[in-house]
Each structure stands twice: as C-alpha cells, then as structure tokens.
Amino acid sequence: MSSKTTFSLVFYINRTKDKKNGECPVMLRININGDKLALRLKRFIQPDQWDPVRYQMKGRTTEAKVFNDYLEAVRVRAH
C-alpha cells in the first residue's frame, strides 16, 4: 500500500511586512503532505507590480523579465 505525496510551490508577497518605501518581500511557500514552509526570498516588489494570479511580476520590461527569471530559477531549484 503506497501513500500519495502532495507537493506545491507558491510565490506570494507578504503585505504585512512592507518596507518604508512600500515594497513587500517576495515569499515562497512549499507544501509537502500538508506541512507548510514559508521562505523569504531576498527580493522586494511594489504591490501594484505583483500579479497574484500568475505569481510573478507584471509587465514585459527588462526588470520584470529578470525578476521572473529569478523566480523560475528558484522554482527549479526547489523542485
């Protein structure tokens, strides 16, 4: 009898820990079989630049591409 393992990664911003300039830290939540672990990435973003549906920075600017590439690299390493 084998048990099924559940695993998910979710990026989000922590709006309660914003800096004086309004930027919020980007967090990574890892869920494994119901156990949750939240990690703070060393990146900050303005809340209006965050896409909560796609879990990444909005836009097609160079800044957004670099930021989203970083998130993808973190996702690959976490897997």
PDB file of N, CA and C in Angstrom:
ATOM      1  N   MET A   1       0.830  -1.172   0.000  1.00  0.00           N
ATOM      2  CA  MET A   1       0.000   0.000   0.000  1.00  0.00           C
ATOM      3  C   MET A   1       0.884   1.249   0.000  1.00  0.00           C
ATOM      4  N   SER A   2       0.728   2.094  -1.011  1.00  0.00           N
ATOM      5  CA  SER A   2       1.543   3.305  -1.097  1.00  0.00           C
ATOM      6  C   SER A   2       0.678   4.538  -0.850  1.00  0.00           C
ATOM      7  N   SER A   3       1.287   5.509  -0.218  1.00  0.00           N
ATOM      8  CA  SER A   3       0.557   6.751   0.032  1.00  0.00           C
ATOM      9  C   SER A   3       0.967   7.782  -1.014  1.00  0.00           C
ATOM     10  N   LYS A   4       0.024   8.629  -1.369  1.00  0.00           N
ATOM     11  CA  LYS A   4       0.280   9.645  -2.371  1.00  0.00           C
ATOM     12  C   LYS A   4       0.906  10.871  -1.714  1.00  0.00           C
ATOM     13  N   THR A   5       1.938  11.412  -2.334  1.00  0.00           N
ATOM     14  CA  THR A   5       2.619  12.588  -1.817  1.00  0.00           C
ATOM     15  C   THR A   5       2.088  13.825  -2.533  1.00  0.00           C
ATOM     16  N   THR A   6       1.747  14.845  -1.748  1.00  0.00           N
ATOM     17  CA  THR A   6       1.330  16.110  -2.348  1.00  0.00           C
ATOM     18  C   THR A   6       2.457  17.115  -2.191  1.00  0.00           C
ATOM     19  N   PHE A   7       2.646  17.918  -3.238  1.00  0.00           N
ATOM     20  CA  PHE A   7       3.737  18.883  -3.263  1.00  0.00           C
ATOM     21  C   PHE A   7       3.301  20.093  -4.067  1.00  0.00           C
ATOM     22  N   SER A   8       3.513  21.292  -3.526  1.00  0.00           N
ATOM     23  CA  SER A   8       3.220  22.500  -4.291  1.00  0.00           C
ATOM     24  C   SER A   8       4.158  23.627  -3.882  1.00  0.00           C
ATOM     25  N   LEU A   9       4.389  24.520  -4.833  1.00  0.00           N
ATOM     26  CA  LEU A   9       5.198  25.720  -4.616  1.00  0.00           C
ATOM     27  C   LEU A   9       4.346  26.923  -5.002  1.00  0.00           C
ATOM     28  N   VAL A  10       4.307  27.927  -4.138  1.00  0.00           N
ATOM     29  CA  VAL A  10       3.540  29.131  -4.427  1.00  0.00           C
ATOM     30  C   VAL A  10       4.371  30.350  -4.043  1.00  0.00           C
ATOM     31  N   PHE A  11       4.505  31.281  -4.976  1.00  0.00           N
ATOM     32  CA  PHE A  11       5.135  32.562  -4.678  1.00  0.00           C
ATOM     33  C   PHE A  11       4.045  33.545  -4.282  1.00  0.00           C
ATOM     34  N   TYR A  12       4.341  34.396  -3.310  1.00  0.00           N
ATOM     35  CA  TYR A  12       3.387  35.439  -2.907  1.00  0.00           C
ATOM     36  C   TYR A  12       4.157  36.584  -2.273  1.00  0.00           C
ATOM     37  N   ILE A  13       3.469  37.706  -2.070  1.00  0.00           N
ATOM     38  CA  ILE A  13       4.111  38.820  -1.378  1.00  0.00           C
ATOM     39  C   ILE A  13       3.474  38.965  -0.004  1.00  0.00           C
ATOM     40  N   ASN A  14       4.302  39.303   0.969  1.00  0.00           N
ATOM     41  CA  ASN A  14       3.843  39.469   2.343  1.00  0.00           C
ATOM     42  C   ASN A  14       3.554  40.957   2.562  1.00  0.00           C
ATOM     43  N   ARG A  15       2.286  41.327   2.412  1.00  0.00           N
ATOM     44  CA  ARG A  15       1.897  42.737   2.503  1.00  0.00           C
ATOM     45  C   ARG A  15       1.999  43.284   3.925  1.00  0.00           C
ATOM     46  N   THR A  16       2.093  42.420   4.925  1.00  0.00           N
ATOM     47  CA  THR A  16       2.177  42.896   6.312  1.00  0.00           C
ATOM     48  C   THR A  16       3.602  43.274   6.699  1.00  0.00           C
ATOM     49  N   LYS A  17       4.584  42.941   5.897  1.00  0.00           N
ATOM     50  CA  LYS A  17       5.996  43.216   6.216  1.00  0.00           C
ATOM     51  C   LYS A  17       6.600  44.223   5.236  1.00  0.00           C
ATOM     52  N   ASP A  18       5.798  45.187   4.789  1.00  0.00           N
ATOM     53  CA  ASP A  18       6.308  46.131   3.800  1.00  0.00           C
ATOM     54  C   ASP A  18       7.345  47.072   4.406  1.00  0.00           C
ATOM     55  N   LYS A  19       8.262  47.518   3.522  1.00  0.00           N
ATOM     56  CA  LYS A  19       9.310  48.450   3.932  1.00  0.00           C
ATOM     57  C   LYS A  19       8.744  49.867   3.886  1.00  0.00           C
ATOM     58  N   LYS A  20       9.527  50.837   4.344  1.00  0.00           N
ATOM     59  CA  LYS A  20       9.066  52.229   4.374  1.00  0.00           C
ATOM     60  C   LYS A  20       8.746  52.766   2.983  1.00  0.00           C
ATOM     61  N   ASN A  21       9.426  52.253   1.955  1.00  0.00           N
ATOM     62  CA  ASN A  21       9.157  52.715   0.591  1.00  0.00           C
ATOM     63  C   ASN A  21       7.970  51.986  -0.051  1.00  0.00           C
ATOM     64  N   GLY A  22       7.300  51.116   0.707  1.00  0.00           N
ATOM     65  CA  GLY A  22       6.107  50.434   0.213  1.00  0.00           C
ATOM     66  C   GLY A  22       6.361  49.079  -0.407  1.00  0.00           C
ATOM     67  N   GLU A  23       7.623  48.699  -0.595  1.00  0.00           N
ATOM     68  CA  GLU A  23       7.922  47.393  -1.200  1.00  0.00           C
ATOM     69  C   GLU A  23       7.654  46.271  -0.208  1.00  0.00           C
ATOM     70  N   CYS A  24       7.160  45.165  -0.724  1.00  0.00           N
ATOM     71  CA  CYS A  24       6.854  43.994   0.096  1.00  0.00           C
ATOM     72  C   CYS A  24       7.815  42.862  -0.249  1.00  0.00           C
ATOM     73  N   PRO A  25       8.175  42.031   0.736  1.00  0.00           N
ATOM     74  CA  PRO A  25       9.060  40.904   0.438  1.00  0.00           C
ATOM     75  C   PRO A  25       8.334  39.811  -0.348  1.00  0.00           C
ATOM     76  N   VAL A  26       9.066  39.194  -1.255  1.00  0.00           N
ATOM     77  CA  VAL A  26       8.536  38.064  -2.018  1.00  0.00           C
ATOM     78  C   VAL A  26       8.829  36.799  -1.225  1.00  0.00           C
ATOM     79  N   MET A  27       7.817  35.973  -1.070  1.00  0.00           N
ATOM     80  CA  MET A  27       7.913  34.756  -0.264  1.00  0.00           C
ATOM     81  C   MET A  27       7.666  33.531  -1.144  1.00  0.00           C
ATOM     82  N   LEU A  28       8.166  32.398  -0.695  1.00  0.00           N
ATOM     83  CA  LEU A  28       7.914  31.109  -1.338  1.00  0.00           C
ATOM     84  C   LEU A  28       7.324  30.193  -0.289  1.00  0.00           C
ATOM     85  N   ARG A  29       6.146  29.657  -0.566  1.00  0.00           N
ATOM     86  CA  ARG A  29       5.529  28.687   0.335  1.00  0.00           C
ATOM     87  C   ARG A  29       5.631  27.311  -0.313  1.00  0.00           C
ATOM     88  N   ILE A  30       6.180  26.371   0.436  1.00  0.00           N
ATOM     89  CA  ILE A  30       6.308  24.989  -0.019  1.00  0.00           C
ATOM     90  C   ILE A  30       5.380  24.133   0.831  1.00  0.00           C
ATOM     91  N   ASN A  31       4.506  23.394   0.192  1.00  0.00           N
ATOM     92  CA  ASN A  31       3.598  22.474   0.885  1.00  0.00           C
ATOM     93  C   ASN A  31       3.963  21.045   0.502  1.00  0.00           C
ATOM     94  N   ILE A  32       4.247  20.227   1.505  1.00  0.00           N
ATOM     95  CA  ILE A  32       4.528  18.809   1.273  1.00  0.00           C
ATOM     96  C   ILE A  32       3.677  18.017   2.244  1.00  0.00           C
ATOM     97  N   ASN A  33       2.731  17.288   1.712  1.00  0.00           N
ATOM     98  CA  ASN A  33       1.819  16.468   2.520  1.00  0.00           C
ATOM     99  C   ASN A  33       1.169  17.258   3.659  1.00  0.00           C
ATOM    100  N   GLY A  34       0.799  18.487   3.377  1.00  0.00           N
ATOM    101  CA  GLY A  34       0.133  19.309   4.382  1.00  0.00           C
ATOM    102  C   GLY A  34       1.066  20.096   5.280  1.00  0.00           C
ATOM    103  N   ASP A  35       2.362  19.784   5.268  1.00  0.00           N
ATOM    104  CA  ASP A  35       3.334  20.562   6.047  1.00  0.00           C
ATOM    105  C   ASP A  35       3.732  21.787   5.226  1.00  0.00           C
ATOM    106  N   LYS A  36       3.671  22.956   5.853  1.00  0.00           N
ATOM    107  CA  LYS A  36       3.962  24.196   5.138  1.00  0.00           C
ATOM    108  C   LYS A  36       5.261  24.814   5.630  1.00  0.00           C
ATOM    109  N   LEU A  37       6.005  25.344   4.691  1.00  0.00           N
ATOM    110  CA  LEU A  37       7.242  26.047   4.990  1.00  0.00           C
ATOM    111  C   LEU A  37       7.244  27.327   4.165  1.00  0.00           C
ATOM    112  N   ALA A  38       7.419  28.473   4.811  1.00  0.00           N
ATOM    113  CA  ALA A  38       7.479  29.755   4.106  1.00  0.00           C
ATOM    114  C   ALA A  38       8.901  30.282   4.156  1.00  0.00           C
ATOM    115  N   LEU A  39       9.424  30.625   3.002  1.00  0.00           N
ATOM    116  CA  LEU A  39      10.781  31.149   2.890  1.00  0.00           C
ATOM    117  C   LEU A  39      10.742  32.551   2.307  1.00  0.00           C
ATOM    118  N   ARG A  40      11.528  33.450   2.881  1.00  0.00           N
ATOM    119  CA  ARG A  40      11.612  34.797   2.341  1.00  0.00           C
ATOM    120  C   ARG A  40      12.738  34.823   1.314  1.00  0.00           C
ATOM    121  N   LEU A  41      12.395  35.206   0.095  1.00  0.00           N
ATOM    122  CA  LEU A  41      13.412  35.394  -0.929  1.00  0.00           C
ATOM    123  C   LEU A  41      14.015  36.770  -0.712  1.00  0.00           C
ATOM    124  N   LYS A  42      15.189  36.989  -1.169  1.00  0.00           N
ATOM    125  CA  LYS A  42      15.834  38.280  -0.937  1.00  0.00           C
ATOM    126  C   LYS A  42      15.475  39.259  -2.047  1.00  0.00           C
ATOM    127  N   ARG A  43      14.181  39.344  -2.313  1.00  0.00           N
ATOM    128  CA  ARG A  43      13.660  40.251  -3.336  1.00  0.00           C
ATOM    129  C   ARG A  43      12.448  40.988  -2.775  1.00  0.00           C
ATOM    130  N   PHE A  44      12.291  42.237  -3.204  1.00  0.00           N
ATOM    131  CA  PHE A  44      11.160  43.056  -2.787  1.00  0.00           C
ATOM    132  C   PHE A  44      10.490  43.628  -4.030  1.00  0.00           C
ATOM    133  N   ILE A  45       9.191  43.904  -3.924  1.00  0.00           N
ATOM    134  CA  ILE A  45       8.430  44.388  -5.074  1.00  0.00           C
ATOM    135  C   ILE A  45       7.298  45.288  -4.585  1.00  0.00           C
ATOM    136  N   GLN A  46       6.951  46.270  -5.410  1.00  0.00           N
ATOM    137  CA  GLN A  46       5.795  47.105  -5.106  1.00  0.00           C
ATOM    138  C   GLN A  46       4.533  46.259  -5.304  1.00  0.00           C
ATOM    139  N   PRO A  47       3.564  46.339  -4.397  1.00  0.00           N
ATOM    140  CA  PRO A  47       2.355  45.505  -4.515  1.00  0.00           C
ATOM    141  C   PRO A  47       1.614  45.663  -5.841  1.00  0.00           C
ATOM    142  N   ASP A  48       1.616  46.875  -6.419  1.00  0.00           N
ATOM    143  CA  ASP A  48       0.887  47.070  -7.677  1.00  0.00           C
ATOM    144  C   ASP A  48       1.606  46.440  -8.873  1.00  0.00           C
ATOM    145  N   GLN A  49       2.854  46.007  -8.700  1.00  0.00           N
ATOM    146  CA  GLN A  49       3.593  45.334  -9.778  1.00  0.00           C
ATOM    147  C   GLN A  49       3.444  43.814  -9.715  1.00  0.00           C
ATOM    148  N   TRP A  50       2.819  43.285  -8.671  1.00  0.00           N
ATOM    149  CA  TRP A  50       2.709  41.835  -8.465  1.00  0.00           C
ATOM    150  C   TRP A  50       1.431  41.308  -9.102  1.00  0.00           C
ATOM    151  N   ASP A  51       1.539  40.221  -9.842  1.00  0.00           N
ATOM    152  CA  ASP A  51       0.384  39.552 -10.442  1.00  0.00           C
ATOM    153  C   ASP A  51       0.026  38.363  -9.566  1.00  0.00           C
ATOM    154  N   PRO A  52      -1.044  38.466  -8.752  1.00  0.00           N
ATOM    155  CA  PRO A  52      -1.382  37.380  -7.827  1.00  0.00           C
ATOM    156  C   PRO A  52      -1.931  36.130  -8.515  1.00  0.00           C
ATOM    157  N   VAL A  53      -2.360  36.259  -9.753  1.00  0.00           N
ATOM    158  CA  VAL A  53      -2.888  35.095 -10.483  1.00  0.00           C
ATOM    159  C   VAL A  53      -1.748  34.260 -11.050  1.00  0.00           C
ATOM    160  N   ARG A  54      -0.726  34.938 -11.586  1.00  0.00           N
ATOM    161  CA  ARG A  54       0.394  34.234 -12.216  1.00  0.00           C
ATOM    162  C   ARG A  54       1.588  34.068 -11.285  1.00  0.00           C
ATOM    163  N   TYR A  55       1.493  34.637 -10.066  1.00  0.00           N
ATOM    164  CA  TYR A  55       2.565  34.535  -9.060  1.00  0.00           C
ATOM    165  C   TYR A  55       3.897  35.059  -9.576  1.00  0.00           C
ATOM    166  N   GLN A  56       3.848  36.229 -10.237  1.00  0.00           N
ATOM    167  CA  GLN A  56       5.067  36.832 -10.757  1.00  0.00           C
ATOM    168  C   GLN A  56       4.861  38.317 -10.971  1.00  0.00           C
ATOM    169  N   MET A  57       5.915  38.996 -11.409  1.00  0.00           N
ATOM    170  CA  MET A  57       5.857  40.428 -11.655  1.00  0.00           C
ATOM    171  C   MET A  57       5.122  40.701 -12.961  1.00  0.00           C
ATOM    172  N   LYS A  58       4.283  41.742 -12.938  1.00  0.00           N
ATOM    173  CA  LYS A  58       3.549  42.137 -14.139  1.00  0.00           C
ATOM    174  C   LYS A  58       4.481  42.804 -15.135  1.00  0.00           C
ATOM    175  N   GLY A  59       4.095  42.759 -16.403  1.00  0.00           N
ATOM    176  CA  GLY A  59       4.793  43.533 -17.424  1.00  0.00           C
ATOM    177  C   GLY A  59       5.778  42.735 -18.252  1.00  0.00           C
ATOM    178  N   ARG A  60       6.297  43.441 -19.264  1.00  0.00           N
ATOM    179  CA  ARG A  60       7.256  42.831 -20.192  1.00  0.00           C
ATOM    180  C   ARG A  60       8.568  43.610 -20.229  1.00  0.00           C
ATOM    181  N   THR A  61       8.805  44.415 -19.204  1.00  0.00           N
ATOM    182  CA  THR A  61      10.042  45.192 -19.161  1.00  0.00           C
ATOM    183  C   THR A  61      11.227  44.265 -18.873  1.00  0.00           C
ATOM    184  N   THR A  62      12.416  44.800 -19.071  1.00  0.00           N
ATOM    185  CA  THR A  62      13.624  44.035 -18.755  1.00  0.00           C
ATOM    186  C   THR A  62      13.658  43.695 -17.276  1.00  0.00           C
ATOM    187  N   GLU A  63      13.269  44.654 -16.437  1.00  0.00           N
ATOM    188  CA  GLU A  63      13.228  44.424 -14.987  1.00  0.00           C
ATOM    189  C   GLU A  63      12.292  43.264 -14.639  1.00  0.00           C
ATOM    190  N   ALA A  64      11.108  43.247 -15.261  1.00  0.00           N
ATOM    191  CA  ALA A  64      10.138  42.176 -14.992  1.00  0.00           C
ATOM    192  C   ALA A  64      10.677  40.834 -15.472  1.00  0.00           C
ATOM    193  N   LYS A  65      11.333  40.825 -16.627  1.00  0.00           N
ATOM    194  CA  LYS A  65      11.880  39.567 -17.157  1.00  0.00           C
ATOM    195  C   LYS A  65      12.962  39.016 -16.240  1.00  0.00           C
ATOM    196  N   VAL A  66      13.860  39.872 -15.782  1.00  0.00           N
ATOM    197  CA  VAL A  66      14.929  39.436 -14.876  1.00  0.00           C
ATOM    198  C   VAL A  66      14.329  38.918 -13.564  1.00  0.00           C
ATOM    199  N   PHE A  67      13.362  39.641 -13.031  1.00  0.00           N
ATOM    200  CA  PHE A  67      12.714  39.248 -11.780  1.00  0.00           C
ATOM    201  C   PHE A  67      12.019  37.889 -11.922  1.00  0.00           C
ATOM    202  N   ASN A  68      11.260  37.717 -13.005  1.00  0.00           N
ATOM    203  CA  ASN A  68      10.534  36.466 -13.223  1.00  0.00           C
ATOM    204  C   ASN A  68      11.463  35.305 -13.551  1.00  0.00           C
ATOM    205  N   ASP A  69      12.578  35.591 -14.220  1.00  0.00           N
ATOM    206  CA  ASP A  69      13.583  34.543 -14.464  1.00  0.00           C
ATOM    207  C   ASP A  69      14.179  34.066 -13.140  1.00  0.00           C
ATOM    208  N   TYR A  70      14.396  35.004 -12.219  1.00  0.00           N
ATOM    209  CA  TYR A  70      14.894  34.639 -10.889  1.00  0.00           C
ATOM    210  C   TYR A  70      13.890  33.723 -10.177  1.00  0.00           C
ATOM    211  N   LEU A  71      12.600  34.086 -10.223  1.00  0.00           N
ATOM    212  CA  LEU A  71      11.578  33.247  -9.587  1.00  0.00           C
ATOM    213  C   LEU A  71      11.555  31.849 -10.212  1.00  0.00           C
ATOM    214  N   GLU A  72      11.700  31.774 -11.514  1.00  0.00           N
ATOM    215  CA  GLU A  72      11.708  30.472 -12.188  1.00  0.00           C
ATOM    216  C   GLU A  72      12.924  29.652 -11.774  1.00  0.00           C
ATOM    217  N   ALA A  73      14.077  30.293 -11.616  1.00  0.00           N
ATOM    218  CA  ALA A  73      15.279  29.580 -11.170  1.00  0.00           C
ATOM    219  C   ALA A  73      15.087  29.041  -9.755  1.00  0.00           C
ATOM    220  N   VAL A  74      14.450  29.827  -8.888  1.00  0.00           N
ATOM    221  CA  VAL A  74      14.162  29.362  -7.529  1.00  0.00           C
ATOM    222  C   VAL A  74      13.210  28.170  -7.579  1.00  0.00           C
ATOM    223  N   ARG A  75      12.191  28.248  -8.448  1.00  0.00           N
ATOM    224  CA  ARG A  75      11.220  27.155  -8.578  1.00  0.00           C
ATOM    225  C   ARG A  75      11.910  25.865  -9.013  1.00  0.00           C
ATOM    226  N   VAL A  76      12.816  25.975  -9.992  1.00  0.00           N
ATOM    227  CA  VAL A  76      13.540  24.797 -10.488  1.00  0.00           C
ATOM    228  C   VAL A  76      14.407  24.201  -9.389  1.00  0.00           C
ATOM    229  N   ARG A  77      15.113  25.053  -8.641  1.00  0.00           N
ATOM    230  CA  ARG A  77      15.964  24.544  -7.549  1.00  0.00           C
ATOM    231  C   ARG A  77      15.147  23.901  -6.442  1.00  0.00           C
ATOM    232  N   ALA A  78      13.968  24.450  -6.166  1.00  0.00           N
ATOM    233  CA  ALA A  78      13.132  23.893  -5.091  1.00  0.00           C
ATOM    234  C   ALA A  78      12.589  22.516  -5.468  1.00  0.00           C
ATOM    235  N   HIS A  79      12.329  22.313  -6.763  1.00  0.00           N
ATOM    236  CA  HIS A  79      11.831  21.003  -7.185  1.00  0.00           C
ATOM    237  C   HIS A  79      12.935  19.979  -7.046  1.00  0.00           C
TER     238      HIS A  79
END
